């Protein structure tokens, strides 16, 4: 299939007349077309198509259909029907009333092309570029970021279900691609064990019986892998994706000692960021945030929040569920800097902050990172009269610390921990031993007080931030961050909570399209001066507020 770039069609006169008669006040699709004009030019997608072959549909129009589809949370079939039968969509696309549209499968093929060419964010980026050019987005101002969980398009599995489903998935794949080879040697018991979906209610009852089931499945998996890697087996079987998942899962879940299959336990298991959670979506991971556990991914949304402009999403990032929020903070800044959309102040929650990021934000990006810093977790900080780090005077020039009693430290050692630079200090035993303030400083029966601090710039930034966040002025400034929760809620209503697709890249594409759709909805609300929705308050809460007023 080839693509010959065409100019975006003008709105046919009959289509415009009928649409305006049917919708005198317009609709989101109509107002977006009037305000922004042709959004996506065919030439922007030229690299995704060949130069020979039968001409395909306009990728620019398919891009707009994809955004409108996510704006209304429609399936592919519903979106194709909307192109075929809804007047306001024909108006936005510049189609004649009798235009028959296209088959719904075209949308799936278009998304696949985007993913294959690494263009998951391309539509979103083009929209952001257009909004920037029209003055709706600009550098400076304030922005805020938050994340939420995205459920994978697979069911959550316990350990017994997982290994059983991995085995079943591999057997199904082999039965489809090489049935004769598998039927020639596979035990008849496997049909009973893996013929149907592995569910908890089908598993043996009792802890001992389930432990035996795990061992049995492990032995079956090793037997299957040995057959696949035998010299007499077709070599290409090893490249079957389900077989590769089986091999990886068995490395993570089992090991053999003197031919006996054993199940890995505790610290012998790989970390969560590497551990498979489903054979059908190998990129999904099990994550936990604020007590909520899920299998899937995490999406990070960044938006503007100035009062004199629409609140529009400027950045979308999708990670697996185990990635910490703080790992995305600098990534957001890098991408915003490339788009010339860096804010002056960036409001985030505690997950996106650290002492190193406080320094990096100002030194590298000239951005003020506004977010609460974690309080000290030392024993002394937990006591009202304890001497925590804040009461010590750190003299970086002379490489020493001075305690509340006036004693100076004797040891200053610079080292790294998990790749981060640290400084460890220790006071002298002759000073700490007889000190009358010792009960407030250390609980050690014998020994001396030790401190662990960060390099000078980070230490000073952290202590300054901890003092500032206790002030009323800081709390008033930080109230702006709460508004991003409304964006997360709007994205959830648009279908972002559960991905429609398998894999990180396709999930990211869906998230980027959802963000683009939200931007169009918000721009339309701004242009029509639609007020922002009020915070929902229950009837009982209103009654309580009325009684206490």
Protein backbone atom coordinates (compact mmCIF):
# COMPACT_ATOMS: atom_id res chain seq x y z
CA UNK A 1 0.00 0.00 0.00
CA UNK A 2 1.30 3.46 -0.90
CA UNK A 3 0.42 6.96 0.21
CA UNK A 4 0.23 9.97 -2.07
CA UNK A 5 -0.14 13.06 0.14
CA UNK A 6 -3.32 14.98 -0.58
CA UNK A 7 -4.52 18.33 0.66
CA UNK A 8 -7.06 18.14 3.46
CA UNK A 9 -10.48 18.43 1.79
CA UNK A 10 -12.59 21.51 2.27
CA UNK A 11 -15.96 20.96 3.92
CA UNK A 12 -18.51 20.22 1.17
CA UNK A 13 -21.25 22.85 1.01
CA UNK A 14 -24.08 20.35 1.50
CA UNK A 15 -22.32 18.69 4.44
CA UNK A 16 -21.74 22.05 6.08
CA UNK A 17 -25.35 23.17 5.55
CA UNK A 18 -26.88 19.97 6.91
CA UNK A 19 -24.47 19.82 9.87
CA UNK A 20 -25.19 23.40 10.91
CA UNK A 21 -28.92 22.81 10.53
CA UNK A 22 -28.72 19.69 12.69
CA UNK A 23 -26.37 21.28 15.25
CA UNK A 24 -26.90 25.05 15.30
CA UNK A 25 -24.53 25.45 18.26
CA UNK A 26 -22.03 23.01 16.81
CA UNK A 27 -20.37 20.01 18.42
CA UNK A 28 -16.84 19.33 19.64
CA UNK A 29 -15.85 17.79 16.30
CA UNK A 30 -17.30 20.71 14.34
CA UNK A 31 -15.82 23.42 16.57
CA UNK A 32 -12.39 21.77 16.51
CA UNK A 33 -12.45 21.77 12.70
CA UNK A 34 -13.48 25.44 12.66
CA UNK A 35 -10.90 26.53 15.26
CA UNK A 36 -7.89 24.42 14.29
CA UNK A 37 -8.52 23.70 10.63
CA UNK A 38 -6.88 20.60 9.14
CA UNK A 39 -5.01 19.08 12.06
CA UNK A 40 -2.94 16.29 10.55
CA UNK A 41 -1.36 16.58 7.10
CA UNK A 42 -0.79 13.39 5.10
CA UNK A 43 2.85 14.36 4.56
CA UNK A 44 3.50 13.99 8.31
CA UNK A 45 2.94 10.22 7.94
CA UNK A 46 4.85 9.69 4.69
CA UNK A 47 7.59 7.61 6.33
CA UNK A 48 5.07 4.96 7.37
CA UNK A 49 3.98 4.10 3.82
CA UNK A 50 5.65 2.93 0.64
CA UNK A 51 5.83 4.84 -2.62
CA UNK A 52 4.44 2.01 -4.74
CA UNK A 53 1.21 0.09 -4.65
CA UNK A 54 -2.46 0.86 -4.39
CA UNK A 55 -3.11 4.24 -2.72
CA UNK A 56 -4.47 3.92 0.77
CA UNK A 57 -6.80 6.08 2.81
CA UNK A 58 -5.65 9.48 4.02
CA UNK A 59 -3.51 8.93 7.17
CA UNK A 60 -4.29 12.49 8.26
CA UNK A 61 -8.00 11.72 8.30
CA UNK A 62 -7.39 8.39 10.05
CA UNK A 63 -5.40 10.25 12.71
CA UNK A 64 -8.32 12.59 13.39
CA UNK A 65 -10.75 9.65 13.46
CA UNK A 66 -8.49 7.94 16.02
CA UNK A 67 -8.51 11.01 18.28
CA UNK A 68 -12.28 11.45 17.99
CA UNK A 69 -12.67 7.74 18.70
CA UNK A 70 -10.84 8.11 22.02
CA UNK A 71 -12.68 11.32 22.81
CA UNK A 72 -15.90 9.29 22.91
CA UNK A 73 -14.33 5.98 24.03
CA UNK A 74 -15.59 4.12 20.95
CA UNK A 75 -14.55 0.73 19.60
CA UNK A 76 -13.09 0.49 16.09
CA UNK A 77 -16.42 -0.67 14.70
CA UNK A 78 -18.30 2.17 16.40
CA UNK A 79 -15.76 4.73 15.12
CA UNK A 80 -16.07 3.43 11.55
CA UNK A 81 -19.87 3.62 11.85
CA UNK A 82 -19.55 7.22 13.09
CA UNK A 83 -17.53 8.16 10.01
CA UNK A 84 -20.15 6.52 7.84
CA UNK A 85 -23.27 7.85 9.54
CA UNK A 86 -22.64 10.90 11.75
CA UNK A 87 -22.91 14.31 10.14
CA UNK A 88 -20.61 16.12 12.59
CA UNK A 89 -17.80 13.62 11.92
CA UNK A 90 -18.21 14.08 8.17
CA UNK A 91 -18.02 17.84 8.77
CA UNK A 92 -14.75 17.50 10.73
CA UNK A 93 -13.25 15.18 8.09
CA UNK A 94 -14.50 17.18 5.10
CA UNK A 95 -16.49 14.27 3.64
CA UNK A 96 -19.53 14.26 1.37
CA UNK A 97 -22.76 13.08 2.97
CA UNK A 98 -22.84 9.98 0.75
CA UNK A 99 -19.22 9.01 1.55
CA UNK A 100 -19.30 5.29 2.52
CA UNK A 101 -16.38 5.55 4.95
CA UNK A 102 -14.12 2.53 5.45
CA UNK A 103 -14.01 -0.87 7.09
CA UNK A 104 -13.32 -0.79 10.82
CA UNK A 105 -10.21 -2.99 10.44
CA UNK A 106 -8.42 -0.04 8.79
CA UNK A 107 -8.04 1.63 12.20
CA UNK A 108 -6.25 -1.39 13.63
CA UNK A 109 -3.89 -1.46 10.65
CA UNK A 110 -3.19 2.26 11.04
CA UNK A 111 -2.28 1.85 14.71
CA UNK A 112 -0.03 -1.09 13.83
CA UNK A 113 1.85 1.09 11.36
CA UNK A 114 2.35 3.75 14.01
CA UNK A 115 3.79 1.18 16.43
CA UNK A 116 5.96 -0.53 13.82
CA UNK A 117 7.58 2.80 12.95
CA UNK A 118 8.00 3.93 16.56
CA UNK A 119 5.46 6.74 16.14
CA UNK A 120 3.27 6.05 19.16
CA UNK A 121 3.31 9.73 20.18
CA UNK A 122 3.29 11.20 16.67
CA UNK A 123 -0.38 12.20 16.60
CA UNK A 124 -0.19 13.68 20.09
CA UNK A 125 3.00 15.59 19.21
CA UNK A 126 1.44 17.03 16.05
CA UNK A 127 -1.54 18.27 18.06
CA UNK A 128 0.71 19.81 20.74
CA UNK A 129 2.74 21.51 18.00
CA UNK A 130 -0.43 22.96 16.47
CA UNK A 131 -1.70 24.18 19.83
CA UNK A 132 1.68 25.77 20.54
CA UNK A 133 1.65 27.52 17.18
CA UNK A 134 -1.80 28.96 17.91
CA UNK A 135 -0.73 30.23 21.32
CA UNK A 136 -2.74 27.85 23.48
CA UNK A 137 0.51 26.31 24.81
CA UNK A 138 3.68 28.18 25.68
CA UNK A 139 6.86 27.86 27.68
CA UNK A 140 6.94 29.17 31.24
CA UNK A 141 3.97 29.17 33.55
CA UNK A 142 3.12 26.24 35.78
CA UNK A 143 2.61 22.57 35.02
CA UNK A 144 1.80 19.52 37.11
CA UNK A 145 2.33 15.78 36.77
CA UNK A 146 0.77 12.67 38.25
CA UNK A 147 0.49 9.00 37.39
CA UNK A 148 -2.11 6.27 37.62
CA UNK A 149 -2.22 2.55 37.03
CA UNK A 150 -3.27 0.95 33.76
CA UNK A 151 -4.59 -2.60 33.90
CA UNK A 152 -3.23 -4.97 31.28
CA UNK A 153 -5.65 -6.66 28.87
CA UNK A 154 -5.04 -9.96 30.67
CA UNK A 155 -6.33 -11.40 33.92
CA UNK A 156 -4.26 -11.39 37.10
CA UNK A 157 -2.87 -14.83 37.92
CA UNK A 158 -1.60 -16.40 41.09
CA UNK A 159 1.61 -18.43 40.86
CA UNK A 160 -0.01 -21.80 40.17
CA UNK A 161 -2.30 -20.28 37.54
CA UNK A 162 0.63 -18.45 35.95
CA UNK A 163 2.88 -21.48 35.40
CA UNK A 164 -0.09 -23.53 34.23
CA UNK A 165 -1.12 -20.86 31.72
CA UNK A 166 2.46 -20.46 30.48
CA UNK A 167 2.57 -24.20 29.78
CA UNK A 168 -0.86 -24.13 28.17
CA UNK A 169 0.07 -21.15 25.98
CA UNK A 170 3.20 -22.90 24.71
CA UNK A 171 1.32 -26.13 23.96
CA UNK A 172 -1.40 -24.24 22.07
CA UNK A 173 1.19 -22.42 19.97
CA UNK A 174 3.03 -25.66 19.14
CA UNK A 175 -0.23 -27.48 18.37
CA UNK A 176 -1.05 -24.74 15.87
CA UNK A 177 2.31 -24.55 14.10
CA UNK A 178 3.63 -28.16 14.36
CA UNK A 179 0.77 -30.48 15.41
CA UNK A 180 2.27 -33.71 14.08
CA UNK A 181 5.53 -33.28 15.99
CA UNK A 182 3.71 -32.54 19.26
CA UNK A 183 1.10 -35.33 18.92
CA UNK A 184 3.83 -37.91 18.33
CA UNK A 185 5.18 -37.77 21.87
CA UNK A 186 3.03 -35.54 24.15
CA UNK A 187 1.62 -37.50 27.14
CA UNK A 188 -2.14 -38.00 27.19
CA UNK A 189 -2.24 -36.58 30.74
CA UNK A 190 -1.32 -33.16 29.35
CA UNK A 191 -4.66 -32.98 27.59
CA UNK A 192 -6.42 -33.20 30.94
CA UNK A 193 -3.97 -30.88 32.69
CA UNK A 194 -3.64 -28.13 30.08
CA UNK A 195 -6.59 -28.62 27.74
CA UNK A 196 -8.70 -25.94 29.41
CA UNK A 197 -7.92 -22.59 30.95
CA UNK A 198 -6.13 -22.87 34.27
CA UNK A 199 -8.35 -21.36 36.97
CA UNK A 200 -7.99 -21.35 40.73
CA UNK A 201 -11.16 -23.39 41.20
CA UNK A 202 -9.74 -26.18 39.00
CA UNK A 203 -6.50 -26.41 41.01
CA UNK A 204 -6.08 -29.03 43.76
CA UNK A 205 -7.30 -28.11 47.23
CA UNK A 206 -4.87 -27.76 50.09
CA UNK A 207 -1.40 -26.28 50.40
CA UNK A 208 0.44 -29.58 49.96
CA UNK A 209 -1.59 -30.53 46.88
CA UNK A 210 -0.93 -27.17 45.23
CA UNK A 211 2.77 -27.41 46.00
CA UNK A 212 2.73 -30.78 44.26
CA UNK A 213 0.92 -29.22 41.30
CA UNK A 214 3.66 -26.60 40.97
CA UNK A 215 6.30 -29.30 40.89
CA UNK A 216 4.33 -31.35 38.33
CA UNK A 217 3.91 -28.36 36.00
CA UNK A 218 7.59 -27.55 36.39
CA UNK A 219 8.59 -31.09 35.41
CA UNK A 220 6.25 -30.97 32.40
CA UNK A 221 7.75 -27.67 31.29
CA UNK A 222 11.30 -28.99 31.50
CA UNK A 223 10.27 -32.05 29.50
CA UNK A 224 8.73 -29.86 26.79
CA UNK A 225 11.79 -27.60 26.61
CA UNK A 226 14.10 -30.61 26.34
CA UNK A 227 12.09 -31.91 23.40
CA UNK A 228 12.09 -28.50 21.71
CA UNK A 229 15.87 -28.12 22.10
CA UNK A 230 16.57 -31.70 21.05
CA UNK A 231 18.60 -32.04 17.84
CA UNK A 232 15.78 -33.92 16.16
CA UNK A 233 13.24 -31.12 16.69
CA UNK A 234 12.73 -28.37 14.08
CA UNK A 235 15.11 -25.57 15.02
CA UNK A 236 12.55 -22.87 14.31
CA UNK A 237 10.38 -24.06 17.19
CA UNK A 238 12.77 -22.30 19.55
CA UNK A 239 11.82 -18.97 17.99
CA UNK A 240 8.09 -19.34 18.69
CA UNK A 241 7.23 -16.46 21.08
CA UNK A 242 5.25 -18.69 23.45
CA UNK A 243 8.24 -21.04 23.71
CA UNK A 244 10.55 -18.15 24.54
CA UNK A 245 8.12 -17.05 27.23
CA UNK A 246 8.07 -20.61 28.61
CA UNK A 247 11.87 -20.71 28.77
CA UNK A 248 12.08 -17.33 30.52
CA UNK A 249 9.31 -18.19 32.97
CA UNK A 250 10.95 -21.48 33.92
CA UNK A 251 14.28 -19.74 34.55
CA UNK A 252 12.46 -17.34 36.88
CA UNK A 253 10.23 -19.86 38.67
CA UNK A 254 12.18 -23.14 38.83
CA UNK A 255 15.59 -24.74 39.10
CA UNK A 256 16.83 -28.34 39.18
CA UNK A 257 19.14 -30.02 41.65
CA UNK A 258 20.36 -33.53 40.73
CA UNK A 259 17.45 -33.83 38.31
CA UNK A 260 14.85 -32.86 40.93
CA UNK A 261 12.61 -29.91 40.12
CA UNK A 262 12.43 -27.22 42.79
CA UNK A 263 10.38 -24.04 43.04
CA UNK A 264 12.22 -20.76 43.64
CA UNK A 265 11.24 -18.98 46.84
CA UNK A 266 11.72 -15.56 48.38
CA UNK A 267 14.94 -13.78 47.47
CA UNK A 268 15.73 -16.49 44.90
CA UNK A 269 12.99 -15.04 42.68
CA UNK A 270 13.91 -12.24 40.24
CA UNK A 271 12.88 -8.66 41.11
CA UNK A 272 9.41 -7.52 40.12
CA UNK A 273 10.65 -5.36 37.24
CA UNK A 274 11.95 -8.51 35.50
CA UNK A 275 9.39 -11.09 36.57
CA UNK A 276 6.76 -12.13 34.03
CA UNK A 277 3.16 -11.73 35.15
CA UNK A 278 1.27 -13.21 32.18
CA UNK A 279 2.22 -15.40 29.20
CA UNK A 280 -0.07 -13.36 26.95
CA UNK A 281 1.46 -9.96 27.69
CA UNK A 282 5.15 -10.52 28.53
CA UNK A 283 5.74 -6.78 29.06
CA UNK A 284 3.10 -6.40 31.79
CA UNK A 285 4.38 -6.36 35.36
CA UNK A 286 2.87 -6.52 38.82
CA UNK A 287 3.09 -3.15 40.58
CA UNK A 288 1.92 -1.63 43.86
CA UNK A 289 1.09 2.02 44.53
CA UNK A 290 -0.54 3.33 47.69
CA UNK A 291 -1.68 -0.14 48.64
CA UNK A 292 -3.20 -0.91 45.23
CA UNK A 293 -1.68 -3.86 43.38
CA UNK A 294 -2.25 -4.52 39.68
CA UNK A 295 -0.81 -6.26 36.63
CA UNK A 296 -0.08 -3.91 33.78
CA UNK A 297 1.45 -0.49 33.28
CA UNK A 298 1.59 3.05 34.61
CA UNK A 299 0.79 6.26 32.72
CA UNK A 300 2.22 9.67 33.64
CA UNK A 301 0.33 12.79 32.50
CA UNK A 302 1.71 16.33 32.58
CA UNK A 303 -0.55 19.34 32.01
CA UNK A 304 -0.51 23.12 32.14
CA UNK A 305 -2.38 24.75 35.02
CA UNK A 306 -2.31 28.52 34.47
CA UNK A 307 -5.57 30.36 35.05
CA UNK A 308 -5.35 32.41 31.84
CA UNK A 309 -5.10 29.47 29.42
CA UNK A 310 -6.77 26.09 28.89
CA UNK A 311 -5.35 23.25 30.93
CA UNK A 312 -3.83 21.05 28.22
CA UNK A 313 -1.74 17.90 28.45
CA UNK A 314 1.83 18.50 27.30
CA UNK A 315 3.46 15.15 27.98
CA UNK A 316 2.47 11.48 28.16
CA UNK A 317 4.72 8.66 29.34
CA UNK A 318 3.91 4.97 29.76
CA UNK A 319 6.05 2.57 31.77
CA UNK A 320 5.65 -0.88 33.22
CA UNK A 321 4.01 -0.99 36.63
CA UNK A 322 7.26 -1.28 38.60
CA UNK A 323 8.94 1.96 37.49
CA UNK A 324 9.21 4.57 40.26
CA UNK A 325 7.67 7.98 39.57
CA UNK A 326 10.96 9.75 40.33
CA UNK A 327 12.58 8.02 37.35
CA UNK A 328 10.24 9.96 35.04
CA UNK A 329 10.75 13.48 36.42
CA UNK A 330 13.87 14.31 34.39
CA UNK A 331 12.44 12.48 31.35
CA UNK A 332 9.47 14.85 31.39
CA UNK A 333 11.78 17.86 31.57
CA UNK A 334 13.92 16.61 28.69
CA UNK A 335 10.91 16.11 26.43
CA UNK A 336 9.32 19.43 27.37
CA UNK A 337 12.62 21.21 26.73
CA UNK A 338 12.79 19.62 23.26
CA UNK A 339 9.29 20.98 22.55
CA UNK A 340 10.15 24.38 24.10
CA UNK A 341 7.42 23.93 26.69
CA UNK A 342 9.39 23.86 29.95
CA UNK A 343 7.47 25.39 32.87
CA UNK A 344 8.84 27.80 35.43
CA UNK A 345 7.31 25.76 38.24
CA UNK A 346 6.50 22.05 38.17
CA UNK A 347 4.06 20.76 40.82
CA UNK A 348 4.29 17.06 41.66
CA UNK A 349 3.59 14.70 44.52
CA UNK A 350 6.22 13.15 46.76
CA UNK A 351 6.88 10.27 44.38
CA UNK A 352 8.47 12.58 41.80
CA UNK A 353 10.82 14.42 44.17
CA UNK A 354 14.28 13.83 45.58
CA UNK A 355 17.20 15.94 46.74
CA UNK A 356 19.07 15.24 43.50
CA UNK A 357 16.06 16.29 41.41
CA UNK A 358 15.68 19.54 43.36
CA UNK A 359 19.22 20.49 42.37
CA UNK A 360 18.93 19.19 38.82
CA UNK A 361 15.65 21.04 38.20
CA UNK A 362 17.18 24.44 38.87
CA UNK A 363 20.73 23.86 37.66
CA UNK A 364 19.93 22.12 34.36
CA UNK A 365 16.40 23.20 33.43
CA UNK A 366 15.83 26.42 35.42
CA UNK A 367 12.63 24.88 36.78
CA UNK A 368 11.36 25.08 40.36
CA UNK A 369 10.32 21.62 41.50
CA UNK A 370 7.32 22.08 43.81
CA UNK A 371 6.60 18.94 45.76
CA UNK A 372 6.81 17.62 49.33
CA UNK A 373 10.08 16.03 50.38
CA UNK A 374 10.14 12.90 52.48
CA UNK A 375 10.71 13.61 56.15
CA UNK A 376 13.70 12.18 57.95
CA UNK A 377 13.11 8.58 59.05
CA UNK A 378 15.78 8.52 61.77
CA UNK A 379 14.91 7.57 65.35
CA UNK A 380 15.85 11.05 66.50
CA UNK A 381 13.41 12.69 64.07
CA UNK A 382 10.62 10.59 65.56
CA UNK A 383 11.17 12.08 69.04
CA UNK A 384 10.06 15.54 70.07
CA UNK A 385 13.37 16.21 71.82
CA UNK A 386 15.59 14.14 69.50
CA UNK A 387 18.61 15.52 67.68
CA UNK A 388 17.98 14.76 64.03
CA UNK A 389 20.16 15.88 61.12
CA UNK A 390 18.63 19.36 61.00
CA UNK A 391 20.19 20.43 64.34
CA UNK A 392 23.73 19.59 63.20
CA UNK A 393 25.84 22.27 61.49
CA UNK A 394 27.55 20.82 58.43
CA UNK A 395 30.80 22.54 57.44
CA UNK A 396 31.46 21.25 53.92
CA UNK A 397 34.55 23.42 53.45
CA UNK A 398 36.32 21.90 56.43
CA UNK A 399 34.65 18.50 56.02
CA UNK A 400 33.19 18.27 59.48
CA UNK A 401 29.92 18.53 61.39
CA UNK A 402 29.21 20.28 64.67
CA UNK A 403 26.71 18.71 67.06
CA UNK A 404 24.35 20.62 69.43
CA UNK A 405 26.88 20.13 72.23
CA UNK A 406 29.58 21.89 70.18
CA UNK A 407 31.68 18.82 69.37
CA UNK A 408 33.10 18.36 65.87
CA UNK A 409 33.07 15.12 63.90
CA UNK A 410 36.26 13.22 63.36
CA UNK A 411 35.59 11.10 60.27
CA UNK A 412 34.42 12.27 56.82
CA UNK A 413 34.16 9.59 54.13
CA UNK A 414 32.72 10.08 50.66
CA UNK A 415 31.22 6.99 48.97
CA UNK A 416 28.34 5.86 46.77
CA UNK A 417 25.26 3.82 47.52
CA UNK A 418 23.14 2.46 44.65
CA UNK A 419 24.94 4.85 42.34
CA UNK A 420 24.18 7.94 44.45
CA UNK A 421 27.00 9.91 46.16
CA UNK A 422 26.87 10.01 49.97
CA UNK A 423 29.01 11.33 52.80
CA UNK A 424 29.33 9.44 56.08
CA UNK A 425 30.43 11.24 59.23
CA UNK A 426 31.24 9.91 62.69
CA UNK A 427 31.90 11.71 65.96
CA UNK A 428 34.63 10.74 68.40
CA UNK A 429 33.93 8.28 71.19
CA UNK A 430 35.64 10.51 73.71
CA UNK A 431 33.10 13.24 72.92
CA UNK A 432 29.97 11.11 72.65
CA UNK A 433 30.62 8.84 75.66
CA UNK A 434 30.40 11.38 78.51
CA UNK A 435 28.07 13.83 76.69
CA UNK A 436 25.02 14.74 78.87
CA UNK A 437 22.91 15.12 75.70
CA UNK A 438 23.64 11.57 74.58
CA UNK A 439 20.11 10.16 75.28
CA UNK A 440 18.66 12.71 72.87
CA UNK A 441 21.31 12.01 70.23
CA UNK A 442 21.79 8.26 70.06
CA UNK A 443 20.25 5.13 71.56
CA UNK A 444 23.38 3.02 71.15
CA UNK A 445 24.58 1.69 74.50
CA UNK A 446 28.16 1.81 73.32
CA UNK A 447 29.59 3.82 70.48
CA UNK A 448 29.24 7.18 68.87
CA UNK A 449 26.86 9.22 66.72
CA UNK A 450 27.12 8.78 62.97
CA UNK A 451 25.53 10.83 60.19
CA UNK A 452 24.85 10.12 56.53
CA UNK A 453 24.41 13.19 54.37
CA UNK A 454 24.23 14.08 50.68
CA UNK A 455 26.67 16.29 48.77
CA UNK A 456 26.54 20.00 49.64
CA UNK A 457 24.11 21.19 46.96
CA UNK A 458 21.65 18.36 47.59
CA UNK A 459 21.91 18.62 51.38
CA UNK A 460 21.21 22.35 51.41
CA UNK A 461 18.38 22.05 48.89
CA UNK A 462 16.75 19.24 50.89
CA UNK A 463 16.95 21.04 54.23
CA UNK A 464 15.64 24.26 52.67
CA UNK A 465 12.72 22.40 51.02
CA UNK A 466 11.79 20.65 54.26
CA UNK A 467 11.63 24.00 56.06
CA UNK A 468 9.64 25.69 53.30
CA UNK A 469 6.99 22.99 53.03
CA UNK A 470 5.94 23.69 56.61
CA UNK A 471 5.00 27.30 55.79
CA UNK A 472 1.52 28.52 54.87
CA UNK A 473 2.85 30.21 51.74
CA UNK A 474 4.23 26.90 50.40
CA UNK A 475 1.00 25.08 51.20
CA UNK A 476 -1.00 27.71 49.35
CA UNK A 477 1.23 27.41 46.28
CA UNK A 478 1.06 23.62 46.38
CA UNK A 479 -2.75 23.55 46.24
CA UNK A 480 -2.45 23.81 42.45
CA UNK A 481 -1.22 20.21 42.23
CA UNK A 482 -4.57 18.77 43.34
CA UNK A 483 -6.14 19.71 40.02
CA UNK A 484 -4.26 17.00 38.18
CA UNK A 485 -6.47 14.45 39.94
CA UNK A 486 -9.33 15.75 37.79
CA UNK A 487 -7.24 15.04 34.69
CA UNK A 488 -6.61 11.50 35.87
CA UNK A 489 -10.35 11.09 36.48
CA UNK A 490 -11.18 12.40 33.01
CA UNK A 491 -8.62 10.04 31.47
CA UNK A 492 -10.12 7.11 33.36
CA UNK A 493 -13.59 7.96 32.02
CA UNK A 494 -12.03 8.03 28.55
CA UNK A 495 -10.95 4.41 29.03
CA UNK A 496 -7.34 4.80 30.12
CA UNK A 497 -7.69 2.58 33.20
CA UNK A 498 -7.63 -0.68 31.20
CA UNK A 499 -5.59 -0.93 28.03
CA UNK A 500 -7.27 -2.38 24.96
CA UNK A 501 -4.05 -3.87 23.63
CA UNK A 502 -1.16 -6.16 24.52
CA UNK A 503 2.31 -4.74 24.98
CA UNK A 504 3.87 -1.52 26.23
CA UNK A 505 4.12 0.23 22.85
CA UNK A 506 0.48 -0.25 21.90
CA UNK A 507 -0.60 0.74 25.40
CA UNK A 508 1.46 3.91 25.10
CA UNK A 509 -0.17 4.67 21.76
CA UNK A 510 -3.61 4.34 23.36
CA UNK A 511 -2.57 6.62 26.21
CA UNK A 512 -1.21 9.24 23.78
CA UNK A 513 -4.45 9.16 21.78
CA UNK A 514 -6.46 9.55 24.99
CA UNK A 515 -4.33 12.58 25.92
CA UNK A 516 -4.87 14.11 22.47
CA UNK A 517 -8.63 13.54 22.81
CA UNK A 518 -8.68 15.21 26.23
CA UNK A 519 -6.85 18.21 24.77
CA UNK A 520 -9.49 18.62 22.06
CA UNK A 521 -12.30 18.34 24.62
CA UNK A 522 -10.66 20.91 26.88
CA UNK A 523 -9.87 23.28 24.06
CA UNK A 524 -13.50 23.13 22.98
CA UNK A 525 -14.61 23.86 26.56
CA UNK A 526 -12.22 26.83 26.67
CA UNK A 527 -13.45 28.24 23.36
CA UNK A 528 -17.09 27.92 24.41
CA UNK A 529 -16.33 29.28 27.90
CA UNK A 530 -17.69 26.15 29.54
CA UNK A 531 -16.83 26.37 33.25
CA UNK A 532 -14.72 23.66 34.85
CA UNK A 533 -16.65 20.99 36.69
CA UNK A 534 -16.98 21.49 40.43
CA UNK A 535 -15.59 18.99 42.90
CA UNK A 536 -18.24 16.41 43.67
CA UNK A 537 -19.50 16.47 47.24
CA UNK A 538 -21.93 13.90 48.63
CA UNK A 539 -25.28 14.91 50.15
CA UNK A 540 -24.06 13.87 53.59
CA UNK A 541 -20.87 15.92 53.24
CA UNK A 542 -22.90 18.97 52.25
CA UNK A 543 -25.10 18.48 55.29
CA UNK A 544 -22.05 18.22 57.53
CA UNK A 545 -20.56 21.39 56.02
CA UNK A 546 -23.84 23.22 56.50
CA UNK A 547 -24.06 22.22 60.16
CA UNK A 548 -20.52 23.30 60.94
CA UNK A 549 -20.73 26.59 59.02
